[in-house]
Amino acid sequence: MKVAIVADSTCAPSGARIRDLGIQIVPINIMLRGKIYQDTIDLEPDKFYRLLPSLKELPTTSAPAPGRFQEIFSRLLCEGRPVICFTVTSSLSGTYNCALQAVQNLAGESDCGIAVVDTQSAGAAASLLVAEAARLALEGRGIEHILEQVSAMLPQCKLMAALDTLEYLKRSGRVNKLAALAGDFLQIKPVFYLHQGKAEAYARPRGKRQAMERILESFYRDVAGAKQIWVAVTHAGATEECGMLREAIEASRPGLEIDLVPFTVAMGSHTGPGVVGIGYTYI
């Protein structure tokens, strides 16, 4: 039986790839105005990013309950299908542990096997692992072959993103008020990266154009000499800038397939609107 691919919503590729590759998505929970919403299902990113500046309290997020994973795993195992489940990095979320708990709860139900993969990343970067695994599964490759390919890609998997404002990091307590005010006054657009489970500052350029140049700088340097490259662009209500990133990559790497991955509400609730970035990996 074909290997089934499951991923939490922060690792999801574009909607087209989810449909075409038959990927099962488990949504992250989002608490907004006293109600719980499901990421990518109940909240449409573009509408959310238009609403976000008017919210007095920022949304909060939580991992799916183990039961959500268990329900999907159990159904797939009953179909006789091995399962590979991808989650956002365990350094920033409890989702990986929830998926592992679901596997433990199903111990002995089937000998098909379930593998849970900590992507050590998120968003557009993690989505590339998910999509490649699903593509191989669609070709009929076995679980061992798919995991071997994922293991080769995962160490290089990196998300690079530029923030439009420090306001939301200030409101969440991640930067102080003075730093946020100074950064916004000077038009600082911080560039961060998430790689091997660590989120770090990369640069503090002035203006979005310089920020995108720094993102591309990292990408071109990292993939120089690579035999195979996977890349996706992403944004939180920054369609124009995202298009510019995509065009620059297409010009430098003709023929390279580039997916457009939503910057989901679960991530954007922490960073605010205007985020633009890329995810990539290579071997």
C-alpha atoms as a PDB file:
ATOM      1  CA  MET A   1       0.000   0.000   0.000  1.00  0.00           C
ATOM      2  CA  LYS A   2       1.108   3.566  -0.730  1.00  0.00           C
ATOM      3  CA  VAL A   3       2.820   5.354   2.164  1.00  0.00           C
ATOM      4  CA  ALA A   4       0.551   8.023   3.689  1.00  0.00           C
ATOM      5  CA  ILE A   5       1.996  11.477   4.366  1.00  0.00           C
ATOM      6  CA  VAL A   6       0.650  13.537   7.282  1.00  0.00           C
ATOM      7  CA  ALA A   7       1.781  17.026   8.341  1.00  0.00           C
ATOM      8  CA  ASP A   8       0.726  19.697  10.792  1.00  0.00           C
ATOM      9  CA  SER A   9      -0.586  22.887   9.208  1.00  0.00           C
ATOM     10  CA  THR A  10       2.622  24.875   9.714  1.00  0.00           C
ATOM     11  CA  CYS A  11       4.439  22.379   7.457  1.00  0.00           C
ATOM     12  CA  ALA A  12       1.817  22.380   4.710  1.00  0.00           C
ATOM     13  CA  PRO A  13       2.728  23.032   1.070  1.00  0.00           C
ATOM     14  CA  SER A  14       0.423  25.001  -1.222  1.00  0.00           C
ATOM     15  CA  GLY A  15      -3.194  23.919  -1.472  1.00  0.00           C
ATOM     16  CA  ALA A  16      -2.592  22.574  -4.976  1.00  0.00           C
ATOM     17  CA  ARG A  17       0.224  20.326  -3.809  1.00  0.00           C
ATOM     18  CA  ILE A  18      -1.811  19.111  -0.835  1.00  0.00           C
ATOM     19  CA  ARG A  19      -4.608  18.049  -3.177  1.00  0.00           C
ATOM     20  CA  ASP A  20      -2.427  16.645  -5.963  1.00  0.00           C
ATOM     21  CA  LEU A  21      -0.159  14.687  -3.613  1.00  0.00           C
ATOM     22  CA  GLY A  22      -2.866  13.499  -1.192  1.00  0.00           C
ATOM     23  CA  ILE A  23      -1.299  14.976   1.953  1.00  0.00           C
ATOM     24  CA  GLN A  24      -3.249  14.748   5.226  1.00  0.00           C
ATOM     25  CA  ILE A  25      -3.119  17.986   7.278  1.00  0.00           C
ATOM     26  CA  VAL A  26      -3.566  18.276  11.064  1.00  0.00           C
ATOM     27  CA  PRO A  27      -4.345  21.920  11.956  1.00  0.00           C
ATOM     28  CA  ILE A  28      -2.693  23.884  14.756  1.00  0.00           C
ATOM     29  CA  ASN A  29      -5.175  25.434  17.209  1.00  0.00           C
ATOM     30  CA  ILE A  30      -5.565  29.212  17.304  1.00  0.00           C
ATOM     31  CA  MET A  31      -7.294  31.029  20.176  1.00  0.00           C
ATOM     32  CA  LEU A  32      -8.814  34.306  18.987  1.00  0.00           C
ATOM     33  CA  ARG A  33     -11.357  36.436  20.847  1.00  0.00           C
ATOM     34  CA  GLY A  34     -12.241  33.572  23.150  1.00  0.00           C
ATOM     35  CA  LYS A  35     -12.813  31.047  20.381  1.00  0.00           C
ATOM     36  CA  ILE A  36     -10.664  28.202  19.098  1.00  0.00           C
ATOM     37  CA  TYR A  37     -10.045  28.101  15.362  1.00  0.00           C
ATOM     38  CA  GLN A  38      -8.243  25.574  13.163  1.00  0.00           C
ATOM     39  CA  ASP A  39      -5.260  26.888  11.247  1.00  0.00           C
ATOM     40  CA  THR A  40      -5.759  26.911   7.431  1.00  0.00           C
ATOM     41  CA  ILE A  41      -9.370  25.695   7.841  1.00  0.00           C
ATOM     42  CA  ASP A  42     -11.318  28.286   9.842  1.00  0.00           C
ATOM     43  CA  LEU A  43      -9.030  31.275   9.258  1.00  0.00           C
ATOM     44  CA  GLU A  44      -8.068  32.388   5.751  1.00  0.00           C
ATOM     45  CA  PRO A  45      -4.580  33.997   5.890  1.00  0.00           C
ATOM     46  CA  ASP A  46      -5.224  37.063   3.704  1.00  0.00           C
ATOM     47  CA  LYS A  47      -8.348  38.054   5.644  1.00  0.00           C
ATOM     48  CA  PHE A  48      -6.585  37.406   8.953  1.00  0.00           C
ATOM     49  CA  TYR A  49      -3.624  39.650   8.094  1.00  0.00           C
ATOM     50  CA  ARG A  50      -5.983  42.486   7.223  1.00  0.00           C
ATOM     51  CA  LEU A  51      -7.724  42.002  10.573  1.00  0.00           C
ATOM     52  CA  LEU A  52      -4.614  41.570  12.724  1.00  0.00           C
ATOM     53  CA  PRO A  53      -3.623  45.275  13.137  1.00  0.00           C
ATOM     54  CA  SER A  54      -7.021  46.031  14.694  1.00  0.00           C
ATOM     55  CA  LEU A  55      -6.850  43.301  17.345  1.00  0.00           C
ATOM     56  CA  LYS A  56      -6.272  44.478  20.904  1.00  0.00           C
ATOM     57  CA  GLU A  57      -5.073  41.044  22.002  1.00  0.00           C
ATOM     58  CA  LEU A  58      -2.855  38.852  19.859  1.00  0.00           C
ATOM     59  CA  PRO A  59      -4.064  35.341  19.059  1.00  0.00           C
ATOM     60  CA  THR A  60      -2.363  32.451  20.831  1.00  0.00           C
ATOM     61  CA  THR A  61      -1.579  29.042  19.405  1.00  0.00           C
ATOM     62  CA  SER A  62      -1.440  25.495  20.743  1.00  0.00           C
ATOM     63  CA  ALA A  63      -0.470  22.094  19.406  1.00  0.00           C
ATOM     64  CA  PRO A  64      -3.145  19.691  18.188  1.00  0.00           C
ATOM     65  CA  ALA A  65      -4.206  17.184  20.847  1.00  0.00           C
ATOM     66  CA  PRO A  66      -2.680  13.710  20.433  1.00  0.00           C
ATOM     67  CA  GLY A  67      -6.187  12.497  19.682  1.00  0.00           C
ATOM     68  CA  ARG A  68      -6.268  14.510  16.446  1.00  0.00           C
ATOM     69  CA  PHE A  69      -3.173  12.700  15.200  1.00  0.00           C
ATOM     70  CA  GLN A  70      -4.394   9.385  16.573  1.00  0.00           C
ATOM     71  CA  GLU A  71      -7.662   9.614  14.645  1.00  0.00           C
ATOM     72  CA  ILE A  72      -5.856  10.110  11.329  1.00  0.00           C
ATOM     73  CA  PHE A  73      -3.146   7.534  12.081  1.00  0.00           C
ATOM     74  CA  SER A  74      -5.725   4.922  13.065  1.00  0.00           C
ATOM     75  CA  ARG A  75      -7.744   5.397   9.875  1.00  0.00           C
ATOM     76  CA  LEU A  76      -4.650   5.117   7.688  1.00  0.00           C
ATOM     77  CA  LEU A  77      -3.385   2.044   9.527  1.00  0.00           C
ATOM     78  CA  CYS A  78      -6.776   0.380   9.045  1.00  0.00           C
ATOM     79  CA  GLU A  79      -6.248   0.911   5.317  1.00  0.00           C
ATOM     80  CA  GLY A  80      -2.967  -0.986   5.641  1.00  0.00           C
ATOM     81  CA  ARG A  81      -0.822   2.068   4.885  1.00  0.00           C
ATOM     82  CA  PRO A  82       2.486   2.978   6.551  1.00  0.00           C
ATOM     83  CA  VAL A  83       2.533   6.594   7.786  1.00  0.00           C
ATOM     84  CA  ILE A  84       5.141   9.352   7.851  1.00  0.00           C
ATOM     85  CA  CYS A  85       4.108  12.389   9.891  1.00  0.00           C
ATOM     86  CA  PHE A  86       5.955  15.724   9.682  1.00  0.00           C
ATOM     87  CA  THR A  87       5.789  18.374  12.409  1.00  0.00           C
ATOM     88  CA  VAL A  88       7.074  21.874  13.031  1.00  0.00           C
ATOM     89  CA  THR A  89      10.384  21.993  14.905  1.00  0.00           C
ATOM     90  CA  SER A  90      10.116  20.619  18.435  1.00  0.00           C
ATOM     91  CA  SER A  91      12.238  23.538  19.686  1.00  0.00           C
ATOM     92  CA  LEU A  92       9.304  25.924  19.153  1.00  0.00           C
ATOM     93  CA  SER A  93       6.217  23.742  19.587  1.00  0.00           C
ATOM     94  CA  GLY A  94       4.876  20.700  21.417  1.00  0.00           C
ATOM     95  CA  THR A  95       3.339  19.321  18.212  1.00  0.00           C
ATOM     96  CA  TYR A  96       6.093  16.736  17.684  1.00  0.00           C
ATOM     97  CA  ASN A  97       5.564  15.307  21.174  1.00  0.00           C
ATOM     98  CA  CYS A  98       1.795  15.195  20.619  1.00  0.00           C
ATOM     99  CA  ALA A  99       2.307  13.159  17.449  1.00  0.00           C
ATOM    100  CA  LEU A 100       4.668  10.811  19.300  1.00  0.00           C
ATOM    101  CA  GLN A 101       2.073  10.384  22.054  1.00  0.00           C
ATOM    102  CA  ALA A 102      -0.488   9.404  19.427  1.00  0.00           C
ATOM    103  CA  VAL A 103       1.896   6.735  18.105  1.00  0.00           C
ATOM    104  CA  GLN A 104       2.402   5.370  21.612  1.00  0.00           C
ATOM    105  CA  ASN A 105      -1.365   5.240  22.122  1.00  0.00           C
ATOM    106  CA  LEU A 106      -1.662   3.101  18.992  1.00  0.00           C
ATOM    107  CA  ALA A 107       1.155   0.711  19.905  1.00  0.00           C
ATOM    108  CA  GLY A 108       0.238  -2.790  18.844  1.00  0.00           C
ATOM    109  CA  GLU A 109      -2.686  -1.737  16.649  1.00  0.00           C
ATOM    110  CA  SER A 110      -0.817  -2.510  13.452  1.00  0.00           C
ATOM    111  CA  ASP A 111       2.615  -3.568  12.287  1.00  0.00           C
ATOM    112  CA  CYS A 112       2.537  -1.128   9.328  1.00  0.00           C
ATOM    113  CA  GLY A 113       4.554   1.429  11.257  1.00  0.00           C
ATOM    114  CA  ILE A 114       4.401   5.156  11.819  1.00  0.00           C
ATOM    115  CA  ALA A 115       7.419   7.444  11.566  1.00  0.00           C
ATOM    116  CA  VAL A 116       7.244  10.927  13.082  1.00  0.00           C
ATOM    117  CA  VAL A 117       9.728  13.435  11.627  1.00  0.00           C
ATOM    118  CA  ASP A 118      10.765  16.596  13.464  1.00  0.00           C
ATOM    119  CA  THR A 119      11.462  18.907  10.508  1.00  0.00           C
ATOM    120  CA  GLN A 120      13.600  21.194  12.713  1.00  0.00           C
ATOM    121  CA  SER A 121      11.994  23.964  10.684  1.00  0.00           C
ATOM    122  CA  ALA A 122       8.575  25.355   9.759  1.00  0.00           C
ATOM    123  CA  GLY A 123       6.536  26.931   6.998  1.00  0.00           C
ATOM    124  CA  ALA A 124       7.922  27.019   3.474  1.00  0.00           C
ATOM    125  CA  ALA A 125      11.084  25.128   4.452  1.00  0.00           C
ATOM    126  CA  ALA A 126       9.313  22.246   6.183  1.00  0.00           C
ATOM    127  CA  SER A 127       6.782  22.080   3.354  1.00  0.00           C
ATOM    128  CA  LEU A 128       9.531  21.021   0.957  1.00  0.00           C
ATOM    129  CA  LEU A 129      10.236  17.883   2.992  1.00  0.00           C
ATOM    130  CA  VAL A 130       6.532  17.088   3.106  1.00  0.00           C
ATOM    131  CA  ALA A 131       5.995  17.593  -0.629  1.00  0.00           C
ATOM    132  CA  GLU A 132       9.038  15.535  -1.624  1.00  0.00           C
ATOM    133  CA  ALA A 133       7.970  12.684   0.669  1.00  0.00           C
ATOM    134  CA  ALA A 134       4.465  12.780  -0.816  1.00  0.00           C
ATOM    135  CA  ARG A 135       5.848  12.812  -4.357  1.00  0.00           C
ATOM    136  CA  LEU A 136       7.930   9.717  -3.661  1.00  0.00           C
ATOM    137  CA  ALA A 137       4.965   8.030  -1.989  1.00  0.00           C
ATOM    138  CA  LEU A 138       2.864   8.723  -5.093  1.00  0.00           C
ATOM    139  CA  GLU A 139       5.574   7.003  -7.157  1.00  0.00           C
ATOM    140  CA  GLY A 140       5.153   3.937  -4.967  1.00  0.00           C
ATOM    141  CA  ARG A 141       8.425   4.240  -3.037  1.00  0.00           C
ATOM    142  CA  GLY A 142       8.621   2.454   0.308  1.00  0.00           C
ATOM    143  CA  ILE A 143       8.815   4.101   3.715  1.00  0.00           C
ATOM    144  CA  GLU A 144      12.539   3.356   4.112  1.00  0.00           C
ATOM    145  CA  HIS A 145      13.412   4.983   0.783  1.00  0.00           C
ATOM    146  CA  ILE A 146      11.330   8.058   1.563  1.00  0.00           C
ATOM    147  CA  LEU A 147      12.860   8.495   5.012  1.00  0.00           C
ATOM    148  CA  GLU A 148      16.340   8.147   3.533  1.00  0.00           C
ATOM    149  CA  GLN A 149      15.644  10.989   1.091  1.00  0.00           C
ATOM    150  CA  VAL A 150      14.141  13.155   3.841  1.00  0.00           C
ATOM    151  CA  SER A 151      17.177  12.504   6.041  1.00  0.00           C
ATOM    152  CA  ALA A 152      19.451  13.722   3.231  1.00  0.00           C
ATOM    153  CA  MET A 153      17.443  16.942   2.783  1.00  0.00           C
ATOM    154  CA  LEU A 154      16.649  17.821   6.390  1.00  0.00           C
ATOM    155  CA  PRO A 155      20.042  19.100   7.670  1.00  0.00           C
ATOM    156  CA  GLN A 156      20.141  21.812   4.962  1.00  0.00           C
ATOM    157  CA  CYS A 157      16.475  22.817   5.367  1.00  0.00           C
ATOM    158  CA  LYS A 158      16.276  26.567   6.119  1.00  0.00           C
ATOM    159  CA  LEU A 159      13.533  29.188   6.408  1.00  0.00           C
ATOM    160  CA  MET A 160      14.591  32.807   5.787  1.00  0.00           C
ATOM    161  CA  ALA A 161      12.078  35.596   6.418  1.00  0.00           C
ATOM    162  CA  ALA A 162      11.969  39.377   6.763  1.00  0.00           C
ATOM    163  CA  LEU A 163       9.585  41.046   9.207  1.00  0.00           C
ATOM    164  CA  ASP A 164       7.766  44.213   8.225  1.00  0.00           C
ATOM    165  CA  THR A 165       7.559  45.506  11.797  1.00  0.00           C
ATOM    166  CA  LEU A 166       8.804  44.709  15.298  1.00  0.00           C
ATOM    167  CA  GLU A 167       5.445  45.682  16.795  1.00  0.00           C
ATOM    168  CA  TYR A 168       4.192  42.113  17.153  1.00  0.00           C
ATOM    169  CA  LEU A 169       7.406  40.840  18.708  1.00  0.00           C
ATOM    170  CA  LYS A 170       7.111  43.734  21.162  1.00  0.00           C
ATOM    171  CA  ARG A 171       3.498  42.822  22.013  1.00  0.00           C
ATOM    172  CA  SER A 172       4.478  39.210  22.589  1.00  0.00           C
ATOM    173  CA  GLY A 173       7.388  40.238  24.823  1.00  0.00           C
ATOM    174  CA  ARG A 174      10.130  39.026  22.477  1.00  0.00           C
ATOM    175  CA  VAL A 175      11.674  42.498  22.089  1.00  0.00           C
ATOM    176  CA  ASN A 176      11.373  45.535  24.332  1.00  0.00           C
ATOM    177  CA  LYS A 177       9.306  48.614  23.472  1.00  0.00           C
ATOM    178  CA  LEU A 178      12.290  50.922  22.914  1.00  0.00           C
ATOM    179  CA  ALA A 179      13.943  48.520  20.462  1.00  0.00           C
ATOM    180  CA  ALA A 180      10.678  48.080  18.570  1.00  0.00           C
ATOM    181  CA  LEU A 181      10.087  51.833  18.302  1.00  0.00           C
ATOM    182  CA  ALA A 182      13.649  52.470  17.169  1.00  0.00           C
ATOM    183  CA  GLY A 183      13.486  49.674  14.623  1.00  0.00           C
ATOM    184  CA  ASP A 184      10.232  50.879  13.097  1.00  0.00           C
ATOM    185  CA  PHE A 185      11.393  54.522  13.074  1.00  0.00           C
ATOM    186  CA  LEU A 186      14.552  53.552  11.171  1.00  0.00           C
ATOM    187  CA  GLN A 187      12.593  51.259   8.827  1.00  0.00           C
ATOM    188  CA  ILE A 188      14.551  48.251  10.051  1.00  0.00           C
ATOM    189  CA  LYS A 189      13.233  45.017   8.496  1.00  0.00           C
ATOM    190  CA  PRO A 190      14.845  42.247  10.553  1.00  0.00           C
ATOM    191  CA  VAL A 191      15.773  39.086   8.686  1.00  0.00           C
ATOM    192  CA  PHE A 192      15.592  35.863  10.672  1.00  0.00           C
ATOM    193  CA  TYR A 193      16.339  32.273   9.820  1.00  0.00           C
ATOM    194  CA  LEU A 194      15.180  28.947  11.235  1.00  0.00           C
ATOM    195  CA  HIS A 195      17.673  26.147  10.715  1.00  0.00           C
ATOM    196  CA  GLN A 196      18.172  22.873  12.562  1.00  0.00           C
ATOM    197  CA  GLY A 197      15.669  23.944  15.199  1.00  0.00           C
ATOM    198  CA  LYS A 198      17.318  27.272  15.984  1.00  0.00           C
ATOM    199  CA  ALA A 199      15.738  30.648  15.229  1.00  0.00           C
ATOM    200  CA  GLU A 200      18.393  33.342  14.880  1.00  0.00           C
ATOM    201  CA  ALA A 201      18.727  36.918  13.633  1.00  0.00           C
ATOM    202  CA  TYR A 202      20.550  37.127  10.305  1.00  0.00           C
ATOM    203  CA  ALA A 203      20.581  40.842   9.450  1.00  0.00           C
ATOM    204  CA  ARG A 204      18.934  44.192  10.266  1.00  0.00           C
ATOM    205  CA  PRO A 205      18.720  45.958   6.895  1.00  0.00           C
ATOM    206  CA  ARG A 206      16.846  49.209   6.329  1.00  0.00           C
ATOM    207  CA  GLY A 207      13.921  48.744   3.971  1.00  0.00           C
ATOM    208  CA  LYS A 208      12.210  45.706   2.481  1.00  0.00           C
ATOM    209  CA  ARG A 209      14.263  45.683  -0.710  1.00  0.00           C
ATOM    210  CA  GLN A 210      17.536  45.360   1.219  1.00  0.00           C
ATOM    211  CA  ALA A 211      15.950  42.687   3.401  1.00  0.00           C
ATOM    212  CA  MET A 212      15.030  40.633   0.350  1.00  0.00           C
ATOM    213  CA  GLU A 213      18.540  41.055  -1.019  1.00  0.00           C
ATOM    214  CA  ARG A 214      19.940  39.586   2.188  1.00  0.00           C
ATOM    215  CA  ILE A 215      17.544  36.635   1.958  1.00  0.00           C
ATOM    216  CA  LEU A 216      18.624  35.946  -1.632  1.00  0.00           C
ATOM    217  CA  GLU A 217      22.258  36.378  -0.625  1.00  0.00           C
ATOM    218  CA  SER A 218      21.912  33.539   1.885  1.00  0.00           C
ATOM    219  CA  PHE A 219      20.088  31.338  -0.605  1.00  0.00           C
ATOM    220  CA  TYR A 220      22.613  31.796  -3.415  1.00  0.00           C
ATOM    221  CA  ARG A 221      25.549  31.189  -1.088  1.00  0.00           C
ATOM    222  CA  ASP A 222      24.069  28.049   0.460  1.00  0.00           C
ATOM    223  CA  VAL A 223      22.993  26.337  -2.764  1.00  0.00           C
ATOM    224  CA  ALA A 224      26.152  27.076  -4.742  1.00  0.00           C
ATOM    225  CA  GLY A 225      27.365  23.743  -6.089  1.00  0.00           C
ATOM    226  CA  ALA A 226      24.246  21.832  -5.005  1.00  0.00           C
ATOM    227  CA  LYS A 227      23.172  18.895  -7.179  1.00  0.00           C
ATOM    228  CA  GLN A 228      19.469  19.362  -6.469  1.00  0.00           C
ATOM    229  CA  ILE A 229      17.556  22.306  -4.993  1.00  0.00           C
ATOM    230  CA  TRP A 230      14.077  22.623  -3.555  1.00  0.00           C
ATOM    231  CA  VAL A 231      12.633  26.090  -2.865  1.00  0.00           C
ATOM    232  CA  ALA A 232       9.347  27.747  -1.937  1.00  0.00           C
ATOM    233  CA  VAL A 233       8.383  31.385  -1.405  1.00  0.00           C
ATOM    234  CA  THR A 234       6.013  32.580   1.307  1.00  0.00           C
ATOM    235  CA  HIS A 235       4.380  35.757   2.569  1.00  0.00           C
ATOM    236  CA  ALA A 236       1.893  37.190   5.063  1.00  0.00           C
ATOM    237  CA  GLY A 237      -0.055  39.695   3.007  1.00  0.00           C
ATOM    238  CA  ALA A 238       3.035  40.816   1.045  1.00  0.00           C
ATOM    239  CA  THR A 239       2.102  39.587  -2.426  1.00  0.00           C
ATOM    240  CA  GLU A 240       4.200  42.098  -4.363  1.00  0.00           C
ATOM    241  CA  GLU A 241       7.430  41.479  -2.449  1.00  0.00           C
ATOM    242  CA  CYS A 242       6.901  37.716  -2.626  1.00  0.00           C
ATOM    243  CA  GLY A 243       6.532  37.988  -6.397  1.00  0.00           C
ATOM    244  CA  MET A 244       9.805  39.893  -6.571  1.00  0.00           C
ATOM    245  CA  LEU A 245      11.603  37.152  -4.644  1.00  0.00           C
ATOM    246  CA  ARG A 246      10.159  34.518  -6.921  1.00  0.00           C
ATOM    247  CA  GLU A 247      11.175  36.395 -10.072  1.00  0.00           C
ATOM    248  CA  ALA A 248      14.726  36.839  -8.794  1.00  0.00           C
ATOM    249  CA  ILE A 249      15.084  33.124  -8.073  1.00  0.00           C
ATOM    250  CA  GLU A 250      13.562  32.162 -11.433  1.00  0.00           C
ATOM    251  CA  ALA A 251      15.989  34.474 -13.217  1.00  0.00           C
ATOM    252  CA  SER A 252      19.000  32.988 -11.452  1.00  0.00           C
ATOM    253  CA  ARG A 253      17.816  29.369 -11.614  1.00  0.00           C
ATOM    254  CA  PRO A 254      15.742  28.896 -14.792  1.00  0.00           C
ATOM    255  CA  GLY A 255      13.499  25.848 -14.690  1.00  0.00           C
ATOM    256  CA  LEU A 256      13.584  25.500 -10.901  1.00  0.00           C
ATOM    257  CA  GLU A 257      10.128  24.624  -9.553  1.00  0.00           C
ATOM    258  CA  ILE A 258       9.034  27.167  -6.920  1.00  0.00           C
ATOM    259  CA  ASP A 259       6.006  26.569  -4.722  1.00  0.00           C
ATOM    260  CA  LEU A 260       4.005  29.432  -3.172  1.00  0.00           C
ATOM    261  CA  VAL A 261       3.327  28.450   0.438  1.00  0.00           C
ATOM    262  CA  PRO A 262       0.982  30.449   2.691  1.00  0.00           C
ATOM    263  CA  PHE A 263       2.538  31.957   5.812  1.00  0.00           C
ATOM    264  CA  THR A 264      -0.133  30.391   7.977  1.00  0.00           C
ATOM    265  CA  VAL A 265      -2.072  32.171  10.701  1.00  0.00           C
ATOM    266  CA  ALA A 266      -0.391  29.990  13.335  1.00  0.00           C
ATOM    267  CA  MET A 267       2.960  31.567  12.432  1.00  0.00           C
ATOM    268  CA  GLY A 268       1.790  35.028  11.398  1.00  0.00           C
ATOM    269  CA  SER A 269       0.008  35.634  14.695  1.00  0.00           C
ATOM    270  CA  HIS A 270       3.480  35.891  16.271  1.00  0.00           C
ATOM    271  CA  THR A 271       5.197  37.946  13.557  1.00  0.00           C
ATOM    272  CA  GLY A 272       2.437  40.177  12.210  1.00  0.00           C
ATOM    273  CA  PRO A 273       1.527  40.970   8.596  1.00  0.00           C
ATOM    274  CA  GLY A 274       3.990  41.907   5.864  1.00  0.00           C
ATOM    275  CA  VAL A 275       6.369  38.980   6.344  1.00  0.00           C
ATOM    276  CA  VAL A 276       8.082  37.736   3.179  1.00  0.00           C
ATOM    277  CA  GLY A 277      10.564  34.924   2.834  1.00  0.00           C
ATOM    278  CA  ILE A 278      11.723  31.662   1.287  1.00  0.00           C
ATOM    279  CA  GLY A 279      12.264  28.106   2.389  1.00  0.00           C
ATOM    280  CA  TYR A 280      14.884  25.947   0.729  1.00  0.00           C
ATOM    281  CA  THR A 281      16.939  22.819   0.995  1.00  0.00           C
ATOM    282  CA  TYR A 282      19.395  21.009  -1.247  1.00  0.00           C
ATOM    283  CA  ILE A 283      21.661  18.017  -1.608  1.00  0.00           C
END
